[in-house]
Amino acid sequence: MTARKYHKGDHVEYHPVGGEHNMEDHFGRKIHASKDEPRYMILNDHTQKETAYKESNIVRVIEDEE
């Protein structure tokens, strides 16, 4: 089992990939995730849509600007 690099509340930069689906959507679609290849739910600040992404699609954590 690999440790998760990202945590709930992290702001991240990511590369969207076509064909990814919401982990829990209203249509009952399922995402294939495992302990070795987890998916992260990312809320897009612009569209307010949540989508599951592989760790390899996440570029970096964005530090909060103060």
N, C-alpha and C. Protein backbone atom coordinates (compact mmCIF):
# COMPACT_ATOMS: atom_id res chain seq x y z
N MET A 1 0.85 -1.19 0.00
CA MET A 1 0.00 0.00 0.00
C MET A 1 0.88 1.24 0.00
N THR A 2 0.56 2.18 -0.85
CA THR A 2 1.32 3.42 -0.90
C THR A 2 0.62 4.49 -0.08
N ALA A 3 1.41 5.40 0.47
CA ALA A 3 0.86 6.49 1.28
C ALA A 3 0.29 7.56 0.36
N ARG A 4 -0.78 8.17 0.76
CA ARG A 4 -1.38 9.24 -0.04
C ARG A 4 -0.56 10.51 0.13
N LYS A 5 -0.30 11.18 -0.98
CA LYS A 5 0.49 12.41 -0.95
C LYS A 5 -0.37 13.65 -0.69
N TYR A 6 -1.63 13.57 -1.04
CA TYR A 6 -2.50 14.73 -0.98
C TYR A 6 -3.60 14.48 0.04
N HIS A 7 -4.08 15.57 0.63
CA HIS A 7 -5.05 15.45 1.70
C HIS A 7 -6.25 16.35 1.44
N LYS A 8 -7.36 16.03 2.06
CA LYS A 8 -8.58 16.82 1.93
C LYS A 8 -8.27 18.27 2.30
N GLY A 9 -8.68 19.18 1.45
CA GLY A 9 -8.46 20.60 1.69
C GLY A 9 -7.26 21.17 0.96
N ASP A 10 -6.39 20.31 0.43
CA ASP A 10 -5.24 20.80 -0.36
C ASP A 10 -5.75 21.45 -1.64
N HIS A 11 -5.17 22.59 -1.99
CA HIS A 11 -5.44 23.20 -3.29
C HIS A 11 -4.34 22.71 -4.23
N VAL A 12 -4.74 22.14 -5.36
CA VAL A 12 -3.76 21.54 -6.26
C VAL A 12 -3.91 22.06 -7.68
N GLU A 13 -2.82 21.96 -8.40
CA GLU A 13 -2.82 22.18 -9.84
C GLU A 13 -2.84 20.80 -10.46
N TYR A 14 -3.67 20.59 -11.48
CA TYR A 14 -3.78 19.26 -12.07
C TYR A 14 -4.00 19.37 -13.57
N HIS A 15 -3.74 18.25 -14.26
CA HIS A 15 -3.98 18.15 -15.69
C HIS A 15 -5.26 17.34 -15.89
N PRO A 16 -6.32 17.97 -16.39
CA PRO A 16 -7.54 17.21 -16.63
C PRO A 16 -7.33 16.21 -17.77
N VAL A 17 -7.99 15.10 -17.65
CA VAL A 17 -7.88 14.05 -18.65
C VAL A 17 -9.28 13.64 -19.08
N GLY A 18 -9.50 13.55 -20.36
CA GLY A 18 -10.81 13.12 -20.85
C GLY A 18 -11.13 11.71 -20.42
N GLY A 19 -12.41 11.46 -20.20
CA GLY A 19 -12.84 10.12 -19.84
C GLY A 19 -12.89 9.84 -18.35
N GLU A 20 -12.43 10.77 -17.51
CA GLU A 20 -12.53 10.56 -16.07
C GLU A 20 -13.98 10.87 -15.66
N HIS A 21 -14.48 10.15 -14.66
CA HIS A 21 -15.86 10.34 -14.22
C HIS A 21 -15.88 10.66 -12.73
N ASN A 22 -17.00 11.22 -12.29
CA ASN A 22 -17.19 11.46 -10.86
C ASN A 22 -17.21 10.13 -10.13
N MET A 23 -16.59 10.06 -8.93
CA MET A 23 -16.58 8.82 -8.17
C MET A 23 -17.99 8.41 -7.76
N GLU A 24 -18.76 9.34 -7.33
CA GLU A 24 -20.14 9.07 -6.94
C GLU A 24 -21.01 10.09 -7.64
N ASP A 25 -21.54 9.70 -8.78
CA ASP A 25 -22.38 10.64 -9.49
C ASP A 25 -23.83 10.17 -9.45
N HIS A 26 -24.70 10.92 -10.04
CA HIS A 26 -26.14 10.63 -10.00
C HIS A 26 -26.52 9.52 -10.97
N PHE A 27 -25.56 9.06 -11.77
CA PHE A 27 -25.86 8.04 -12.78
C PHE A 27 -25.35 6.66 -12.38
N GLY A 28 -24.74 6.56 -11.18
CA GLY A 28 -24.29 5.27 -10.69
C GLY A 28 -22.99 4.77 -11.32
N ARG A 29 -22.25 5.65 -11.98
CA ARG A 29 -20.98 5.23 -12.57
C ARG A 29 -19.95 5.02 -11.47
N LYS A 30 -19.06 4.08 -11.67
CA LYS A 30 -18.05 3.74 -10.67
C LYS A 30 -16.65 4.07 -11.22
N ILE A 31 -15.76 4.46 -10.32
CA ILE A 31 -14.36 4.70 -10.66
C ILE A 31 -13.56 3.53 -10.13
N HIS A 32 -12.64 3.05 -10.92
CA HIS A 32 -11.80 1.94 -10.51
C HIS A 32 -10.56 2.49 -9.82
N ALA A 33 -10.57 2.43 -8.50
CA ALA A 33 -9.45 2.90 -7.70
C ALA A 33 -9.03 1.76 -6.79
N SER A 34 -7.78 1.80 -6.35
CA SER A 34 -7.27 0.78 -5.44
C SER A 34 -6.36 1.45 -4.43
N LYS A 35 -5.91 0.69 -3.45
CA LYS A 35 -4.97 1.24 -2.47
C LYS A 35 -3.65 1.60 -3.14
N ASP A 36 -3.26 0.85 -4.16
CA ASP A 36 -2.02 1.13 -4.86
C ASP A 36 -2.16 2.21 -5.92
N GLU A 37 -3.36 2.42 -6.40
CA GLU A 37 -3.61 3.46 -7.41
C GLU A 37 -4.88 4.23 -7.02
N PRO A 38 -4.76 5.10 -5.99
CA PRO A 38 -5.94 5.82 -5.50
C PRO A 38 -6.38 6.91 -6.48
N ARG A 39 -7.60 7.34 -6.31
CA ARG A 39 -8.11 8.49 -7.04
C ARG A 39 -8.39 9.57 -6.01
N TYR A 40 -8.24 10.81 -6.43
CA TYR A 40 -8.48 11.96 -5.57
C TYR A 40 -9.66 12.74 -6.15
N MET A 41 -10.61 13.09 -5.30
CA MET A 41 -11.73 13.91 -5.73
C MET A 41 -11.27 15.36 -5.72
N ILE A 42 -11.36 16.02 -6.86
CA ILE A 42 -10.93 17.41 -6.99
C ILE A 42 -12.15 18.25 -7.36
N LEU A 43 -12.37 19.30 -6.57
CA LEU A 43 -13.45 20.26 -6.82
C LEU A 43 -12.86 21.40 -7.64
N ASN A 44 -13.36 21.58 -8.84
CA ASN A 44 -12.90 22.66 -9.71
C ASN A 44 -13.49 23.97 -9.20
N ASP A 45 -12.63 24.94 -8.89
CA ASP A 45 -13.08 26.22 -8.35
C ASP A 45 -13.95 27.00 -9.33
N HIS A 46 -13.75 26.78 -10.62
CA HIS A 46 -14.48 27.54 -11.63
C HIS A 46 -15.84 26.93 -11.95
N THR A 47 -15.88 25.60 -12.11
CA THR A 47 -17.13 24.94 -12.50
C THR A 47 -17.91 24.39 -11.32
N GLN A 48 -17.25 24.27 -10.16
CA GLN A 48 -17.85 23.68 -8.96
C GLN A 48 -18.23 22.21 -9.16
N LYS A 49 -17.58 21.53 -10.12
CA LYS A 49 -17.80 20.10 -10.34
C LYS A 49 -16.67 19.31 -9.69
N GLU A 50 -17.03 18.17 -9.10
CA GLU A 50 -16.06 17.28 -8.46
C GLU A 50 -15.77 16.12 -9.39
N THR A 51 -14.49 15.83 -9.61
CA THR A 51 -14.09 14.74 -10.49
C THR A 51 -12.94 13.99 -9.86
N ALA A 52 -12.88 12.69 -10.10
CA ALA A 52 -11.81 11.85 -9.57
C ALA A 52 -10.63 11.83 -10.53
N TYR A 53 -9.43 12.03 -9.99
CA TYR A 53 -8.22 12.02 -10.80
C TYR A 53 -7.18 11.11 -10.19
N LYS A 54 -6.37 10.52 -11.06
CA LYS A 54 -5.24 9.72 -10.61
C LYS A 54 -4.17 10.65 -10.05
N GLU A 55 -3.35 10.11 -9.15
CA GLU A 55 -2.26 10.89 -8.56
C GLU A 55 -1.33 11.44 -9.64
N SER A 56 -1.13 10.69 -10.71
CA SER A 56 -0.21 11.12 -11.78
C SER A 56 -0.71 12.36 -12.52
N ASN A 57 -2.00 12.70 -12.38
CA ASN A 57 -2.55 13.90 -13.01
C ASN A 57 -2.39 15.15 -12.16
N ILE A 58 -2.02 14.98 -10.90
CA ILE A 58 -1.85 16.12 -10.01
C ILE A 58 -0.41 16.61 -10.12
N VAL A 59 -0.26 17.89 -10.42
CA VAL A 59 1.07 18.47 -10.65
C VAL A 59 1.74 18.88 -9.34
N ARG A 60 0.97 19.61 -8.50
CA ARG A 60 1.57 20.11 -7.27
C ARG A 60 0.50 20.68 -6.36
N VAL A 61 0.86 20.86 -5.09
CA VAL A 61 -0.01 21.54 -4.13
C VAL A 61 0.27 23.04 -4.27
N ILE A 62 -0.78 23.82 -4.33
CA ILE A 62 -0.66 25.27 -4.41
C ILE A 62 -0.78 25.82 -2.99
N GLU A 63 0.22 26.53 -2.57
CA GLU A 63 0.22 27.12 -1.21
C GLU A 63 -0.80 28.25 -1.17
N ASP A 64 -1.50 28.35 -0.05
CA ASP A 64 -2.47 29.43 0.13
C ASP A 64 -1.76 30.78 0.07
N GLU A 65 -2.34 31.70 -0.70
CA GLU A 65 -1.77 33.03 -0.82
C GLU A 65 -2.37 33.92 0.26
N GLU A 66 -1.53 34.55 1.04
CA GLU A 66 -2.03 35.43 2.10
C GLU A 66 -1.52 36.83 1.91
